[in-house]
Amino acid sequence: MSDTGSLHVLRQANLVREEPRGRQRYYHLEPQPLDEVREWLHPFEHYWRARMRSLRDLLDEENP
């Protein structure tokens, strides 16, 4: 995908804002939509952190 195509996808997802200035276009990150993703992932993060901790502990017991 070209840079233009990538920017188009990011604009559609409201992750960037386009600011035309004459012949140039400036793009600004809009991080607010990522807050929803972070909130959705939060329970999974806790789950996998706990699982990785358990794995680490098990490996530490087997390989002191």
C-alpha atoms as a PDB file:
ATOM      1  CA  MET A   1       0.000   0.000   0.000  1.00  0.00           C
ATOM      2  CA  SER A   2       1.314   3.433  -0.831  1.00  0.00           C
ATOM      3  CA  ASP A   3       1.800   6.192   1.722  1.00  0.00           C
ATOM      4  CA  THR A   4      -1.224   7.950   0.295  1.00  0.00           C
ATOM      5  CA  GLY A   5      -3.294   4.789   0.718  1.00  0.00           C
ATOM      6  CA  SER A   6      -2.074   4.342   4.284  1.00  0.00           C
ATOM      7  CA  LEU A   7      -2.944   7.926   5.144  1.00  0.00           C
ATOM      8  CA  HIS A   8      -6.367   7.440   3.584  1.00  0.00           C
ATOM      9  CA  VAL A   9      -7.005   4.434   5.845  1.00  0.00           C
ATOM     10  CA  LEU A  10      -5.780   6.372   8.897  1.00  0.00           C
ATOM     11  CA  ARG A  11      -8.052   9.298   7.996  1.00  0.00           C
ATOM     12  CA  GLN A  12     -11.042   6.963   7.611  1.00  0.00           C
ATOM     13  CA  ALA A  13     -10.297   5.555  11.074  1.00  0.00           C
ATOM     14  CA  ASN A  14     -10.070   9.122  12.443  1.00  0.00           C
ATOM     15  CA  LEU A  15      -6.492   8.465  13.582  1.00  0.00           C
ATOM     16  CA  VAL A  16      -5.020  11.374  11.645  1.00  0.00           C
ATOM     17  CA  ARG A  17      -6.290  14.811  10.725  1.00  0.00           C
ATOM     18  CA  GLU A  18      -5.291  16.381   7.430  1.00  0.00           C
ATOM     19  CA  GLU A  19      -4.404  20.066   7.337  1.00  0.00           C
ATOM     20  CA  PRO A  20      -3.970  21.445   3.814  1.00  0.00           C
ATOM     21  CA  ARG A  21      -1.588  24.404   3.582  1.00  0.00           C
ATOM     22  CA  GLY A  22      -1.252  25.645   0.044  1.00  0.00           C
ATOM     23  CA  ARG A  23       0.201  22.807  -2.031  1.00  0.00           C
ATOM     24  CA  GLN A  24       1.258  20.824   1.033  1.00  0.00           C
ATOM     25  CA  ARG A  25      -0.740  18.697   3.425  1.00  0.00           C
ATOM     26  CA  TYR A  26       0.178  18.266   7.070  1.00  0.00           C
ATOM     27  CA  TYR A  27      -1.066  15.281   9.031  1.00  0.00           C
ATOM     28  CA  HIS A  28      -1.671  15.317  12.770  1.00  0.00           C
ATOM     29  CA  LEU A  29      -2.137  12.290  14.988  1.00  0.00           C
ATOM     30  CA  GLU A  30      -5.551  11.992  16.651  1.00  0.00           C
ATOM     31  CA  PRO A  31      -4.938   9.448  19.435  1.00  0.00           C
ATOM     32  CA  GLN A  32      -8.418   9.565  21.023  1.00  0.00           C
ATOM     33  CA  PRO A  33      -9.840   6.637  18.974  1.00  0.00           C
ATOM     34  CA  LEU A  34      -7.000   4.483  20.315  1.00  0.00           C
ATOM     35  CA  ASP A  35      -8.335   4.960  23.848  1.00  0.00           C
ATOM     36  CA  GLU A  36     -11.240   2.646  22.989  1.00  0.00           C
ATOM     37  CA  VAL A  37      -8.819   0.011  21.739  1.00  0.00           C
ATOM     38  CA  ARG A  38      -6.700   0.319  24.875  1.00  0.00           C
ATOM     39  CA  GLU A  39      -9.767  -0.070  27.086  1.00  0.00           C
ATOM     40  CA  TRP A  40     -10.874  -3.134  25.119  1.00  0.00           C
ATOM     41  CA  LEU A  41      -7.404  -4.708  25.382  1.00  0.00           C
ATOM     42  CA  HIS A  42      -6.972  -3.952  29.083  1.00  0.00           C
ATOM     43  CA  PRO A  43      -8.469  -7.246  30.413  1.00  0.00           C
ATOM     44  CA  PHE A  44      -6.369  -9.235  27.947  1.00  0.00           C
ATOM     45  CA  GLU A  45      -3.234  -7.422  29.046  1.00  0.00           C
ATOM     46  CA  HIS A  46      -3.833  -8.428  32.659  1.00  0.00           C
ATOM     47  CA  TYR A  47      -4.563 -12.002  31.624  1.00  0.00           C
ATOM     48  CA  TRP A  48      -1.412 -12.372  29.533  1.00  0.00           C
ATOM     49  CA  ARG A  49       0.818 -10.625  32.065  1.00  0.00           C
ATOM     50  CA  ALA A  50      -0.361 -13.102  34.707  1.00  0.00           C
ATOM     51  CA  ARG A  51       0.170 -16.042  32.330  1.00  0.00           C
ATOM     52  CA  MET A  52       3.685 -14.882  31.446  1.00  0.00           C
ATOM     53  CA  ARG A  53       4.489 -14.402  35.145  1.00  0.00           C
ATOM     54  CA  SER A  54       3.328 -17.955  35.830  1.00  0.00           C
ATOM     55  CA  LEU A  55       5.444 -19.267  32.984  1.00  0.00           C
ATOM     56  CA  ARG A  56       8.475 -17.344  34.223  1.00  0.00           C
ATOM     57  CA  ASP A  57       7.984 -18.721  37.734  1.00  0.00           C
ATOM     58  CA  LEU A  58       7.654 -22.259  36.412  1.00  0.00           C
ATOM     59  CA  LEU A  59      10.812 -21.926  34.317  1.00  0.00           C
ATOM     60  CA  ASP A  60      12.686 -20.428  37.273  1.00  0.00           C
ATOM     61  CA  GLU A  61      11.700 -23.451  39.384  1.00  0.00           C
ATOM     62  CA  GLU A  62      12.891 -25.889  36.715  1.00  0.00           C
ATOM     63  CA  ASN A  63      16.128 -24.006  36.033  1.00  0.00           C
ATOM     64  CA  PRO A  64      17.328 -22.503  39.312  1.00  0.00           C
END
